[in-house]
């Protein structure tokens, strides 16, 4: 019980999701807002389709203006920055936040596409 509360405080209410679960979530719900929290160069090098670029350092500020009832999928390269971002988002009152476990690396390892621009 104590461990559960500690983990909740550290990671917020965000739910971890693997690449296959994320792919399914996106396929079944077109309203999911995808947020890439990596640096600009990383984002330009390849990102999930329709991802919004919000560098992790800006997430706490931007989360205040995000739709609190929307569903978000947050990712980075491997997962540590997305954990921090997801926690900031849940602290801001956003109810449905998923963080991609293993980040875009796991997504690509699963053979899923990225968009480059």
C-alpha atoms as a PDB file:
ATOM      1  CA  UNK A   1       0.000   0.000   0.000  1.00  0.00           C
ATOM      2  CA  UNK A   2       2.756   2.458   0.909  1.00  0.00           C
ATOM      3  CA  UNK A   3       4.753   1.442  -2.175  1.00  0.00           C
ATOM      4  CA  UNK A   4       1.696   2.008  -4.366  1.00  0.00           C
ATOM      5  CA  UNK A   5       1.223   5.542  -3.027  1.00  0.00           C
ATOM      6  CA  UNK A   6       4.928   6.265  -3.494  1.00  0.00           C
ATOM      7  CA  UNK A   7       4.825   5.066  -7.109  1.00  0.00           C
ATOM      8  CA  UNK A   8       1.665   7.098  -7.703  1.00  0.00           C
ATOM      9  CA  UNK A   9       3.424  10.209  -6.385  1.00  0.00           C
ATOM     10  CA  UNK A  10       6.516   9.583  -8.521  1.00  0.00           C
ATOM     11  CA  UNK A  11       4.790   8.629 -11.771  1.00  0.00           C
ATOM     12  CA  UNK A  12       1.434  10.300 -11.292  1.00  0.00           C
ATOM     13  CA  UNK A  13      -1.658   8.708 -12.748  1.00  0.00           C
ATOM     14  CA  UNK A  14      -0.022   7.944 -16.077  1.00  0.00           C
ATOM     15  CA  UNK A  15      -0.399   4.434 -17.400  1.00  0.00           C
ATOM     16  CA  UNK A  16       2.512   2.618 -19.028  1.00  0.00           C
ATOM     17  CA  UNK A  17       1.749   1.081 -22.406  1.00  0.00           C
ATOM     18  CA  UNK A  18       3.962  -0.983 -24.702  1.00  0.00           C
ATOM     19  CA  UNK A  19       4.348  -0.354 -28.428  1.00  0.00           C
ATOM     20  CA  UNK A  20       1.689  -2.914 -29.398  1.00  0.00           C
ATOM     21  CA  UNK A  21      -0.793  -1.482 -26.903  1.00  0.00           C
ATOM     22  CA  UNK A  22      -0.046   2.035 -28.126  1.00  0.00           C
ATOM     23  CA  UNK A  23      -0.586   1.008 -31.744  1.00  0.00           C
ATOM     24  CA  UNK A  24      -3.933  -0.509 -30.773  1.00  0.00           C
ATOM     25  CA  UNK A  25      -4.892   2.574 -28.719  1.00  0.00           C
ATOM     26  CA  UNK A  26      -4.179   4.844 -31.695  1.00  0.00           C
ATOM     27  CA  UNK A  27      -6.036   2.584 -34.118  1.00  0.00           C
ATOM     28  CA  UNK A  28      -9.125   2.388 -31.921  1.00  0.00           C
ATOM     29  CA  UNK A  29      -9.267   6.020 -30.833  1.00  0.00           C
ATOM     30  CA  UNK A  30      -8.506   8.717 -33.402  1.00  0.00           C
ATOM     31  CA  UNK A  31      -8.869  11.392 -30.694  1.00  0.00           C
ATOM     32  CA  UNK A  32      -5.689  10.380 -28.845  1.00  0.00           C
ATOM     33  CA  UNK A  33      -3.247  13.283 -28.757  1.00  0.00           C
ATOM     34  CA  UNK A  34       0.325  12.096 -29.328  1.00  0.00           C
ATOM     35  CA  UNK A  35       3.046  14.147 -27.618  1.00  0.00           C
ATOM     36  CA  UNK A  36       6.750  13.800 -28.447  1.00  0.00           C
ATOM     37  CA  UNK A  37       8.838  15.260 -25.595  1.00  0.00           C
ATOM     38  CA  UNK A  38      12.270  14.872 -27.212  1.00  0.00           C
ATOM     39  CA  UNK A  39      14.528  17.651 -28.488  1.00  0.00           C
ATOM     40  CA  UNK A  40      13.847  19.299 -31.865  1.00  0.00           C
ATOM     41  CA  UNK A  41      16.541  17.412 -33.746  1.00  0.00           C
ATOM     42  CA  UNK A  42      15.280  14.089 -32.433  1.00  0.00           C
ATOM     43  CA  UNK A  43      11.736  14.986 -33.454  1.00  0.00           C
ATOM     44  CA  UNK A  44      12.791  15.981 -36.974  1.00  0.00           C
ATOM     45  CA  UNK A  45      14.707  12.713 -37.281  1.00  0.00           C
ATOM     46  CA  UNK A  46      11.489  10.711 -36.980  1.00  0.00           C
ATOM     47  CA  UNK A  47       8.334  10.785 -34.893  1.00  0.00           C
ATOM     48  CA  UNK A  48       4.947   9.105 -34.623  1.00  0.00           C
ATOM     49  CA  UNK A  49       2.364  10.325 -37.133  1.00  0.00           C
ATOM     50  CA  UNK A  50       0.491  13.438 -36.000  1.00  0.00           C
ATOM     51  CA  UNK A  51       2.711  13.855 -32.931  1.00  0.00           C
ATOM     52  CA  UNK A  52       2.826  17.265 -31.310  1.00  0.00           C
ATOM     53  CA  UNK A  53       6.327  18.339 -30.361  1.00  0.00           C
ATOM     54  CA  UNK A  54       6.563  19.626 -26.782  1.00  0.00           C
ATOM     55  CA  UNK A  55      10.104  19.394 -25.361  1.00  0.00           C
ATOM     56  CA  UNK A  56      10.044  17.858 -21.882  1.00  0.00           C
ATOM     57  CA  UNK A  57      11.155  21.103 -20.217  1.00  0.00           C
ATOM     58  CA  UNK A  58       8.063  22.893 -21.533  1.00  0.00           C
ATOM     59  CA  UNK A  59       5.535  20.227 -20.543  1.00  0.00           C
ATOM     60  CA  UNK A  60       4.718  21.534 -17.018  1.00  0.00           C
ATOM     61  CA  UNK A  61       3.877  24.968 -18.430  1.00  0.00           C
ATOM     62  CA  UNK A  62       2.003  23.670 -21.511  1.00  0.00           C
ATOM     63  CA  UNK A  63       0.075  21.071 -19.485  1.00  0.00           C
ATOM     64  CA  UNK A  64      -1.800  23.873 -17.748  1.00  0.00           C
ATOM     65  CA  UNK A  65      -3.464  24.696 -21.093  1.00  0.00           C
ATOM     66  CA  UNK A  66      -4.024  21.126 -22.329  1.00  0.00           C
ATOM     67  CA  UNK A  67      -7.503  19.587 -22.451  1.00  0.00           C
ATOM     68  CA  UNK A  68      -7.870  17.876 -19.075  1.00  0.00           C
ATOM     69  CA  UNK A  69     -10.361  15.305 -20.413  1.00  0.00           C
ATOM     70  CA  UNK A  70      -8.481  14.303 -23.577  1.00  0.00           C
ATOM     71  CA  UNK A  71      -6.428  11.118 -23.886  1.00  0.00           C
ATOM     72  CA  UNK A  72      -2.688  11.572 -24.421  1.00  0.00           C
ATOM     73  CA  UNK A  73       0.102   9.241 -25.511  1.00  0.00           C
ATOM     74  CA  UNK A  74       3.485  10.635 -24.455  1.00  0.00           C
ATOM     75  CA  UNK A  75       6.840   9.327 -25.633  1.00  0.00           C
ATOM     76  CA  UNK A  76      10.552  10.096 -25.869  1.00  0.00           C
ATOM     77  CA  UNK A  77      13.548   8.046 -26.989  1.00  0.00           C
ATOM     78  CA  UNK A  78      13.594   5.347 -24.291  1.00  0.00           C
ATOM     79  CA  UNK A  79      11.020   6.353 -21.677  1.00  0.00           C
ATOM     80  CA  UNK A  80      12.605   8.447 -18.931  1.00  0.00           C
ATOM     81  CA  UNK A  81      11.679  11.888 -20.277  1.00  0.00           C
ATOM     82  CA  UNK A  82       8.155  10.731 -21.080  1.00  0.00           C
ATOM     83  CA  UNK A  83       7.771   9.535 -17.484  1.00  0.00           C
ATOM     84  CA  UNK A  84       8.654  13.026 -16.224  1.00  0.00           C
ATOM     85  CA  UNK A  85       6.343  14.637 -18.776  1.00  0.00           C
ATOM     86  CA  UNK A  86       3.447  12.283 -18.000  1.00  0.00           C
ATOM     87  CA  UNK A  87       3.848  12.970 -14.303  1.00  0.00           C
ATOM     88  CA  UNK A  88       3.715  16.729 -14.915  1.00  0.00           C
ATOM     89  CA  UNK A  89       0.616  16.280 -17.030  1.00  0.00           C
ATOM     90  CA  UNK A  90      -1.231  14.269 -14.387  1.00  0.00           C
ATOM     91  CA  UNK A  91      -0.236  16.791 -11.715  1.00  0.00           C
ATOM     92  CA  UNK A  92      -1.831  19.452 -13.951  1.00  0.00           C
ATOM     93  CA  UNK A  93      -5.103  17.515 -13.755  1.00  0.00           C
ATOM     94  CA  UNK A  94      -5.022  15.617 -17.034  1.00  0.00           C
ATOM     95  CA  UNK A  95      -6.867  12.367 -16.404  1.00  0.00           C
ATOM     96  CA  UNK A  96      -5.890  10.041 -19.268  1.00  0.00           C
ATOM     97  CA  UNK A  97      -2.161   9.928 -19.898  1.00  0.00           C
ATOM     98  CA  UNK A  98      -0.324   6.943 -21.371  1.00  0.00           C
ATOM     99  CA  UNK A  99       3.461   6.804 -21.566  1.00  0.00           C
ATOM    100  CA  UNK A 100       5.057   4.660 -24.241  1.00  0.00           C
ATOM    101  CA  UNK A 101       7.325   2.202 -22.465  1.00  0.00           C
ATOM    102  CA  UNK A 102      10.664   1.993 -24.222  1.00  0.00           C
ATOM    103  CA  UNK A 103       9.862   5.149 -26.182  1.00  0.00           C
ATOM    104  CA  UNK A 104      10.157   5.512 -29.921  1.00  0.00           C
ATOM    105  CA  UNK A 105      12.968   2.966 -29.789  1.00  0.00           C
ATOM    106  CA  UNK A 106      10.485   0.243 -28.777  1.00  0.00           C
ATOM    107  CA  UNK A 107       7.996   1.542 -31.361  1.00  0.00           C
ATOM    108  CA  UNK A 108      10.535   1.200 -34.177  1.00  0.00           C
ATOM    109  CA  UNK A 109      11.835  -2.125 -32.858  1.00  0.00           C
ATOM    110  CA  UNK A 110       8.256  -3.423 -33.188  1.00  0.00           C
ATOM    111  CA  UNK A 111       8.394  -2.440 -36.871  1.00  0.00           C
ATOM    112  CA  UNK A 112       5.948   0.473 -36.632  1.00  0.00           C
ATOM    113  CA  UNK A 113       6.424   3.509 -38.906  1.00  0.00           C
ATOM    114  CA  UNK A 114       7.703   6.964 -38.090  1.00  0.00           C
ATOM    115  CA  UNK A 115       7.330  10.222 -40.004  1.00  0.00           C
ATOM    116  CA  UNK A 116      10.400  12.272 -40.879  1.00  0.00           C
ATOM    117  CA  UNK A 117      10.440  15.984 -41.541  1.00  0.00           C
END
